[in-house]
């Protein structure tokens, strides 16, 4: 196997001789996450739905019309389901 990315190469070095599953579990536990709470739903003049969200971690508000956030646009935490 050829590892082309420096970060992946370093990860492979770290995982040698360790329990990879445990490392992944520990990394996930340390991952900075948040939940976005729906605070309001409005409509544009053309009838498109606009949803207002608030980040539980940083308290900042954001809006979206299409799709959903993967990361909070203010604090950068990964958005997870409540």
PDB file of N, CA and C in Angstrom:
ATOM      1  N   UNK A   1       0.841  -1.171   0.000  1.00  0.00           N
ATOM      2  CA  UNK A   1       0.000   0.000   0.000  1.00  0.00           C
ATOM      3  C   UNK A   1       0.890   1.239   0.000  1.00  0.00           C
ATOM      4  N   UNK A   2       0.557   2.202  -0.870  1.00  0.00           N
ATOM      5  CA  UNK A   2       1.312   3.436  -0.969  1.00  0.00           C
ATOM      6  C   UNK A   2       0.519   4.555  -0.298  1.00  0.00           C
ATOM      7  N   UNK A   3       1.149   5.237   0.629  1.00  0.00           N
ATOM      8  CA  UNK A   3       0.498   6.356   1.309  1.00  0.00           C
ATOM      9  C   UNK A   3       1.094   7.638   0.749  1.00  0.00           C
ATOM     10  N   UNK A   4       0.241   8.445   0.084  1.00  0.00           N
ATOM     11  CA  UNK A   4       0.737   9.625  -0.608  1.00  0.00           C
ATOM     12  C   UNK A   4       0.605  10.902   0.213  1.00  0.00           C
ATOM     13  N   UNK A   5      -0.242  10.930   1.146  1.00  0.00           N
ATOM     14  CA  UNK A   5      -0.519  12.127   1.931  1.00  0.00           C
ATOM     15  C   UNK A   5       0.288  12.093   3.223  1.00  0.00           C
ATOM     16  N   UNK A   6       0.962  13.206   3.559  1.00  0.00           N
ATOM     17  CA  UNK A   6       1.806  13.257   4.757  1.00  0.00           C
ATOM     18  C   UNK A   6       1.009  12.972   6.027  1.00  0.00           C
ATOM     19  N   UNK A   7      -0.209  13.506   6.117  1.00  0.00           N
ATOM     20  CA  UNK A   7      -1.049  13.251   7.291  1.00  0.00           C
ATOM     21  C   UNK A   7      -1.393  11.791   7.433  1.00  0.00           C
ATOM     22  N   UNK A   8      -1.707  11.157   6.330  1.00  0.00           N
ATOM     23  CA  UNK A   8      -2.027   9.725   6.367  1.00  0.00           C
ATOM     24  C   UNK A   8      -0.791   8.909   6.722  1.00  0.00           C
ATOM     25  N   UNK A   9       0.352   9.335   6.228  1.00  0.00           N
ATOM     26  CA  UNK A   9       1.605   8.641   6.540  1.00  0.00           C
ATOM     27  C   UNK A   9       1.862   8.705   8.048  1.00  0.00           C
ATOM     28  N   UNK A  10       1.660   9.880   8.641  1.00  0.00           N
ATOM     29  CA  UNK A  10       1.853  10.028  10.088  1.00  0.00           C
ATOM     30  C   UNK A  10       0.836   9.192  10.866  1.00  0.00           C
ATOM     31  N   UNK A  11      -0.407   9.156  10.387  1.00  0.00           N
ATOM     32  CA  UNK A  11      -1.432   8.343  11.035  1.00  0.00           C
ATOM     33  C   UNK A  11      -1.042   6.869  10.988  1.00  0.00           C
ATOM     34  N   UNK A  12      -0.556   6.408   9.847  1.00  0.00           N
ATOM     35  CA  UNK A  12      -0.155   5.004   9.724  1.00  0.00           C
ATOM     36  C   UNK A  12       0.963   4.675  10.713  1.00  0.00           C
ATOM     37  N   UNK A  13       1.910   5.605  10.886  1.00  0.00           N
ATOM     38  CA  UNK A  13       2.994   5.392  11.855  1.00  0.00           C
ATOM     39  C   UNK A  13       2.439   5.274  13.264  1.00  0.00           C
ATOM     40  N   UNK A  14       1.475   6.130  13.585  1.00  0.00           N
ATOM     41  CA  UNK A  14       0.883   6.120  14.928  1.00  0.00           C
ATOM     42  C   UNK A  14       0.107   4.842  15.195  1.00  0.00           C
ATOM     43  N   UNK A  15      -0.512   4.279  14.166  1.00  0.00           N
ATOM     44  CA  UNK A  15      -1.369   3.108  14.352  1.00  0.00           C
ATOM     45  C   UNK A  15      -0.600   1.794  14.413  1.00  0.00           C
ATOM     46  N   UNK A  16       0.634   1.794  13.952  1.00  0.00           N
ATOM     47  CA  UNK A  16       1.415   0.553  13.991  1.00  0.00           C
ATOM     48  C   UNK A  16       1.558   0.074  15.427  1.00  0.00           C
ATOM     49  N   UNK A  17       1.173  -1.162  15.653  1.00  0.00           N
ATOM     50  CA  UNK A  17       1.315  -1.751  16.974  1.00  0.00           C
ATOM     51  C   UNK A  17       0.246  -1.329  17.966  1.00  0.00           C
ATOM     52  N   UNK A  18      -0.805  -0.679  17.492  1.00  0.00           N
ATOM     53  CA  UNK A  18      -1.885  -0.272  18.396  1.00  0.00           C
ATOM     54  C   UNK A  18      -3.190  -0.898  17.944  1.00  0.00           C
ATOM     55  N   UNK A  19      -4.175  -0.788  18.789  1.00  0.00           N
ATOM     56  CA  UNK A  19      -5.511  -1.245  18.462  1.00  0.00           C
ATOM     57  C   UNK A  19      -6.210  -0.107  17.725  1.00  0.00           C
ATOM     58  N   UNK A  20      -6.314  -0.225  16.402  1.00  0.00           N
ATOM     59  CA  UNK A  20      -6.863   0.845  15.569  1.00  0.00           C
ATOM     60  C   UNK A  20      -8.286   1.207  15.972  1.00  0.00           C
ATOM     61  N   UNK A  21      -9.087   0.229  16.355  1.00  0.00           N
ATOM     62  CA  UNK A  21     -10.464   0.523  16.763  1.00  0.00           C
ATOM     63  C   UNK A  21     -10.484   1.430  17.976  1.00  0.00           C
ATOM     64  N   UNK A  22      -9.616   1.182  18.940  1.00  0.00           N
ATOM     65  CA  UNK A  22      -9.569   2.006  20.140  1.00  0.00           C
ATOM     66  C   UNK A  22      -9.125   3.422  19.804  1.00  0.00           C
ATOM     67  N   UNK A  23      -8.169   3.552  18.902  1.00  0.00           N
ATOM     68  CA  UNK A  23      -7.702   4.879  18.494  1.00  0.00           C
ATOM     69  C   UNK A  23      -8.841   5.660  17.858  1.00  0.00           C
ATOM     70  N   UNK A  24      -9.614   5.014  16.992  1.00  0.00           N
ATOM     71  CA  UNK A  24     -10.738   5.671  16.319  1.00  0.00           C
ATOM     72  C   UNK A  24     -11.783   6.093  17.344  1.00  0.00           C
ATOM     73  N   UNK A  25     -12.104   5.235  18.294  1.00  0.00           N
ATOM     74  CA  UNK A  25     -13.079   5.570  19.332  1.00  0.00           C
ATOM     75  C   UNK A  25     -12.603   6.777  20.129  1.00  0.00           C
ATOM     76  N   UNK A  26     -11.336   6.813  20.478  1.00  0.00           N
ATOM     77  CA  UNK A  26     -10.795   7.932  21.237  1.00  0.00           C
ATOM     78  C   UNK A  26     -10.825   9.219  20.417  1.00  0.00           C
ATOM     79  N   UNK A  27     -10.520   9.124  19.132  1.00  0.00           N
ATOM     80  CA  UNK A  27     -10.568  10.304  18.265  1.00  0.00           C
ATOM     81  C   UNK A  27     -11.989  10.843  18.162  1.00  0.00           C
ATOM     82  N   UNK A  28     -12.955   9.947  18.021  1.00  0.00           N
ATOM     83  CA  UNK A  28     -14.351  10.379  17.925  1.00  0.00           C
ATOM     84  C   UNK A  28     -14.806  11.046  19.217  1.00  0.00           C
ATOM     85  N   UNK A  29     -14.345  10.547  20.339  1.00  0.00           N
ATOM     86  CA  UNK A  29     -14.721  11.134  21.628  1.00  0.00           C
ATOM     87  C   UNK A  29     -14.175  12.555  21.752  1.00  0.00           C
ATOM     88  N   UNK A  30     -13.018  12.807  21.142  1.00  0.00           N
ATOM     89  CA  UNK A  30     -12.398  14.128  21.214  1.00  0.00           C
ATOM     90  C   UNK A  30     -12.917  15.084  20.141  1.00  0.00           C
ATOM     91  N   UNK A  31     -13.671  14.570  19.161  1.00  0.00           N
ATOM     92  CA  UNK A  31     -14.127  15.401  18.062  1.00  0.00           C
ATOM     93  C   UNK A  31     -15.069  16.489  18.583  1.00  0.00           C
ATOM     94  N   UNK A  32     -14.841  17.690  18.133  1.00  0.00           N
ATOM     95  CA  UNK A  32     -15.683  18.814  18.544  1.00  0.00           C
ATOM     96  C   UNK A  32     -16.969  18.781  17.738  1.00  0.00           C
ATOM     97  N   UNK A  33     -18.086  18.561  18.427  1.00  0.00           N
ATOM     98  CA  UNK A  33     -19.375  18.465  17.758  1.00  0.00           C
ATOM     99  C   UNK A  33     -20.380  19.425  18.391  1.00  0.00           C
ATOM    100  N   UNK A  34     -21.478  19.613  17.692  1.00  0.00           N
ATOM    101  CA  UNK A  34     -22.561  20.443  18.194  1.00  0.00           C
ATOM    102  C   UNK A  34     -23.874  19.960  17.602  1.00  0.00           C
ATOM    103  N   UNK A  35     -24.946  20.521  18.104  1.00  0.00           N
ATOM    104  CA  UNK A  35     -26.284  20.276  17.569  1.00  0.00           C
ATOM    105  C   UNK A  35     -26.849  21.643  17.186  1.00  0.00           C
ATOM    106  N   UNK A  36     -27.476  21.728  16.025  1.00  0.00           N
ATOM    107  CA  UNK A  36     -28.152  22.954  15.630  1.00  0.00           C
ATOM    108  C   UNK A  36     -29.632  22.791  15.948  1.00  0.00           C
ATOM    109  N   UNK A  37     -30.160  23.685  16.764  1.00  0.00           N
ATOM    110  CA  UNK A  37     -31.574  23.655  17.131  1.00  0.00           C
ATOM    111  C   UNK A  37     -32.359  24.556  16.197  1.00  0.00           C
ATOM    112  N   UNK A  38     -33.467  24.054  15.685  1.00  0.00           N
ATOM    113  CA  UNK A  38     -34.346  24.842  14.824  1.00  0.00           C
ATOM    114  C   UNK A  38     -35.042  25.896  15.683  1.00  0.00           C
ATOM    115  N   UNK A  39     -34.881  27.176  15.318  1.00  0.00           N
ATOM    116  CA  UNK A  39     -35.471  28.252  16.103  1.00  0.00           C
ATOM    117  C   UNK A  39     -36.629  28.940  15.397  1.00  0.00           C
ATOM    118  N   UNK A  40     -36.626  28.919  14.065  1.00  0.00           N
ATOM    119  CA  UNK A  40     -37.720  29.549  13.335  1.00  0.00           C
ATOM    120  C   UNK A  40     -37.771  29.036  11.900  1.00  0.00           C
ATOM    121  N   UNK A  41     -38.962  29.137  11.324  1.00  0.00           N
ATOM    122  CA  UNK A  41     -39.158  28.800   9.921  1.00  0.00           C
ATOM    123  C   UNK A  41     -39.960  29.936   9.308  1.00  0.00           C
ATOM    124  N   UNK A  42     -39.405  30.542   8.262  1.00  0.00           N
ATOM    125  CA  UNK A  42     -40.098  31.624   7.562  1.00  0.00           C
ATOM    126  C   UNK A  42     -40.124  31.295   6.076  1.00  0.00           C
ATOM    127  N   UNK A  43     -40.779  32.145   5.308  1.00  0.00           N
ATOM    128  CA  UNK A  43     -40.849  31.953   3.859  1.00  0.00           C
ATOM    129  C   UNK A  43     -40.407  33.241   3.159  1.00  0.00           C
ATOM    130  N   UNK A  44     -39.742  33.075   2.030  1.00  0.00           N
ATOM    131  CA  UNK A  44     -39.369  34.232   1.222  1.00  0.00           C
ATOM    132  C   UNK A  44     -40.610  34.736   0.497  1.00  0.00           C
ATOM    133  N   UNK A  45     -40.474  35.858  -0.194  1.00  0.00           N
ATOM    134  CA  UNK A  45     -41.608  36.394  -0.953  1.00  0.00           C
ATOM    135  C   UNK A  45     -42.034  35.449  -2.072  1.00  0.00           C
ATOM    136  N   UNK A  46     -41.144  34.530  -2.450  1.00  0.00           N
ATOM    137  CA  UNK A  46     -41.450  33.543  -3.494  1.00  0.00           C
ATOM    138  C   UNK A  46     -41.926  32.218  -2.908  1.00  0.00           C
ATOM    139  N   UNK A  47     -42.108  32.168  -1.580  1.00  0.00           N
ATOM    140  CA  UNK A  47     -42.639  30.975  -0.935  1.00  0.00           C
ATOM    141  C   UNK A  47     -41.613  29.919  -0.560  1.00  0.00           C
ATOM    142  N   UNK A  48     -40.317  30.208  -0.716  1.00  0.00           N
ATOM    143  CA  UNK A  48     -39.287  29.239  -0.344  1.00  0.00           C
ATOM    144  C   UNK A  48     -39.080  29.253   1.169  1.00  0.00           C
ATOM    145  N   UNK A  49     -38.975  28.084   1.743  1.00  0.00           N
ATOM    146  CA  UNK A  49     -38.807  27.961   3.192  1.00  0.00           C
ATOM    147  C   UNK A  49     -37.382  28.311   3.613  1.00  0.00           C
ATOM    148  N   UNK A  50     -37.279  29.135   4.640  1.00  0.00           N
ATOM    149  CA  UNK A  50     -35.988  29.498   5.230  1.00  0.00           C
ATOM    150  C   UNK A  50     -36.021  29.043   6.681  1.00  0.00           C
ATOM    151  N   UNK A  51     -35.032  28.213   7.057  1.00  0.00           N
ATOM    152  CA  UNK A  51     -34.988  27.691   8.424  1.00  0.00           C
ATOM    153  C   UNK A  51     -33.874  28.398   9.204  1.00  0.00           C
ATOM    154  N   UNK A  52     -34.225  28.835  10.413  1.00  0.00           N
ATOM    155  CA  UNK A  52     -33.251  29.471  11.297  1.00  0.00           C
ATOM    156  C   UNK A  52     -32.781  28.474  12.337  1.00  0.00           C
ATOM    157  N   UNK A  53     -31.470  28.414  12.555  1.00  0.00           N
ATOM    158  CA  UNK A  53     -30.863  27.455  13.481  1.00  0.00           C
ATOM    159  C   UNK A  53     -30.014  28.201  14.494  1.00  0.00           C
ATOM    160  N   UNK A  54     -29.822  27.581  15.658  1.00  0.00           N
ATOM    161  CA  UNK A  54     -28.910  28.116  16.665  1.00  0.00           C
ATOM    162  C   UNK A  54     -27.984  27.004  17.137  1.00  0.00           C
ATOM    163  N   UNK A  55     -26.702  27.294  17.162  1.00  0.00           N
ATOM    164  CA  UNK A  55     -25.693  26.331  17.597  1.00  0.00           C
ATOM    165  C   UNK A  55     -25.729  26.211  19.121  1.00  0.00           C
ATOM    166  N   UNK A  56     -25.802  24.993  19.632  1.00  0.00           N
ATOM    167  CA  UNK A  56     -25.823  24.779  21.086  1.00  0.00           C
ATOM    168  C   UNK A  56     -24.500  25.134  21.752  1.00  0.00           C
ATOM    169  N   UNK A  57     -23.411  25.090  20.998  1.00  0.00           N
ATOM    170  CA  UNK A  57     -22.104  25.350  21.608  1.00  0.00           C
ATOM    171  C   UNK A  57     -21.746  26.831  21.622  1.00  0.00           C
ATOM    172  N   UNK A  58     -21.870  27.507  20.472  1.00  0.00           N
ATOM    173  CA  UNK A  58     -21.447  28.912  20.418  1.00  0.00           C
ATOM    174  C   UNK A  58     -22.612  29.888  20.534  1.00  0.00           C
ATOM    175  N   UNK A  59     -23.857  29.398  20.384  1.00  0.00           N
ATOM    176  CA  UNK A  59     -25.021  30.250  20.534  1.00  0.00           C
ATOM    177  C   UNK A  59     -25.333  31.141  19.343  1.00  0.00           C
ATOM    178  N   UNK A  60     -24.533  31.041  18.285  1.00  0.00           N
ATOM    179  CA  UNK A  60     -24.746  31.874  17.104  1.00  0.00           C
ATOM    180  C   UNK A  60     -25.873  31.308  16.239  1.00  0.00           C
ATOM    181  N   UNK A  61     -26.558  32.203  15.541  1.00  0.00           N
ATOM    182  CA  UNK A  61     -27.657  31.809  14.658  1.00  0.00           C
ATOM    183  C   UNK A  61     -27.184  31.739  13.212  1.00  0.00           C
ATOM    184  N   UNK A  62     -27.853  30.912  12.438  1.00  0.00           N
ATOM    185  CA  UNK A  62     -27.581  30.813  11.012  1.00  0.00           C
ATOM    186  C   UNK A  62     -28.873  30.395  10.315  1.00  0.00           C
ATOM    187  N   UNK A  63     -28.952  30.669   9.037  1.00  0.00           N
ATOM    188  CA  UNK A  63     -30.139  30.321   8.255  1.00  0.00           C
ATOM    189  C   UNK A  63     -29.728  29.473   7.067  1.00  0.00           C
ATOM    190  N   UNK A  64     -30.670  28.651   6.604  1.00  0.00           N
ATOM    191  CA  UNK A  64     -30.424  27.868   5.398  1.00  0.00           C
ATOM    192  C   UNK A  64     -31.742  27.632   4.679  1.00  0.00           C
ATOM    193  N   UNK A  65     -31.627  27.515   3.365  1.00  0.00           N
ATOM    194  CA  UNK A  65     -32.805  27.264   2.539  1.00  0.00           C
ATOM    195  C   UNK A  65     -32.744  25.889   1.885  1.00  0.00           C
ATOM    196  N   UNK A  66     -31.575  25.490   1.479  1.00  0.00           N
ATOM    197  CA  UNK A  66     -31.399  24.241   0.740  1.00  0.00           C
ATOM    198  C   UNK A  66     -30.398  23.357   1.464  1.00  0.00           C
ATOM    199  N   UNK A  67     -30.746  22.129   1.704  1.00  0.00           N
ATOM    200  CA  UNK A  67     -29.810  21.212   2.340  1.00  0.00           C
ATOM    201  C   UNK A  67     -29.713  21.429   3.829  1.00  0.00           C
ATOM    202  N   UNK A  68     -28.531  21.105   4.377  1.00  0.00           N
ATOM    203  CA  UNK A  68     -28.321  21.262   5.814  1.00  0.00           C
ATOM    204  C   UNK A  68     -26.841  21.492   6.073  1.00  0.00           C
ATOM    205  N   UNK A  69     -26.543  22.002   7.249  1.00  0.00           N
ATOM    206  CA  UNK A  69     -25.163  22.286   7.626  1.00  0.00           C
ATOM    207  C   UNK A  69     -24.450  21.016   8.064  1.00  0.00           C
ATOM    208  N   UNK A  70     -23.207  20.873   7.618  1.00  0.00           N
ATOM    209  CA  UNK A  70     -22.346  19.795   8.113  1.00  0.00           C
ATOM    210  C   UNK A  70     -21.498  20.308   9.267  1.00  0.00           C
ATOM    211  N   UNK A  71     -21.198  21.603   9.239  1.00  0.00           N
ATOM    212  CA  UNK A  71     -20.394  22.248  10.274  1.00  0.00           C
ATOM    213  C   UNK A  71     -21.042  23.585  10.620  1.00  0.00           C
ATOM    214  N   UNK A  72     -20.930  23.999  11.879  1.00  0.00           N
ATOM    215  CA  UNK A  72     -21.428  25.304  12.272  1.00  0.00           C
ATOM    216  C   UNK A  72     -20.598  26.359  11.535  1.00  0.00           C
ATOM    217  N   UNK A  73     -21.247  27.296  10.852  1.00  0.00           N
ATOM    218  CA  UNK A  73     -20.484  28.305  10.119  1.00  0.00           C
ATOM    219  C   UNK A  73     -19.759  29.299  11.021  1.00  0.00           C
ATOM    220  N   UNK A  74     -20.028  29.270  12.317  1.00  0.00           N
ATOM    221  CA  UNK A  74     -19.398  30.216  13.241  1.00  0.00           C
ATOM    222  C   UNK A  74     -18.265  29.593  14.042  1.00  0.00           C
ATOM    223  N   UNK A  75     -18.498  28.446  14.682  1.00  0.00           N
ATOM    224  CA  UNK A  75     -17.466  27.843  15.530  1.00  0.00           C
ATOM    225  C   UNK A  75     -16.750  26.667  14.857  1.00  0.00           C
ATOM    226  N   UNK A  76     -17.295  26.178  13.737  1.00  0.00           N
ATOM    227  CA  UNK A  76     -16.637  25.115  12.990  1.00  0.00           C
ATOM    228  C   UNK A  76     -16.840  23.711  13.516  1.00  0.00           C
ATOM    229  N   UNK A  77     -17.657  23.554  14.547  1.00  0.00           N
ATOM    230  CA  UNK A  77     -17.888  22.210  15.091  1.00  0.00           C
ATOM    231  C   UNK A  77     -18.734  21.401  14.133  1.00  0.00           C
ATOM    232  N   UNK A  78     -18.504  20.100  14.102  1.00  0.00           N
ATOM    233  CA  UNK A  78     -19.272  19.193  13.245  1.00  0.00           C
ATOM    234  C   UNK A  78     -20.682  19.053  13.822  1.00  0.00           C
ATOM    235  N   UNK A  79     -21.688  19.193  12.949  1.00  0.00           N
ATOM    236  CA  UNK A  79     -23.078  19.088  13.375  1.00  0.00           C
ATOM    237  C   UNK A  79     -23.489  17.624  13.413  1.00  0.00           C
ATOM    238  N   UNK A  80     -24.043  17.206  14.537  1.00  0.00           N
ATOM    239  CA  UNK A  80     -24.527  15.832  14.720  1.00  0.00           C
ATOM    240  C   UNK A  80     -26.004  15.875  15.074  1.00  0.00           C
ATOM    241  N   UNK A  81     -26.674  14.766  14.922  1.00  0.00           N
ATOM    242  CA  UNK A  81     -28.088  14.660  15.278  1.00  0.00           C
ATOM    243  C   UNK A  81     -28.228  14.647  16.793  1.00  0.00           C
ATOM    244  N   UNK A  82     -29.290  15.272  17.329  1.00  0.00           N
ATOM    245  CA  UNK A  82     -29.479  15.271  18.789  1.00  0.00           C
ATOM    246  C   UNK A  82     -29.824  13.896  19.322  1.00  0.00           C
TER     247      UNK A  82
END
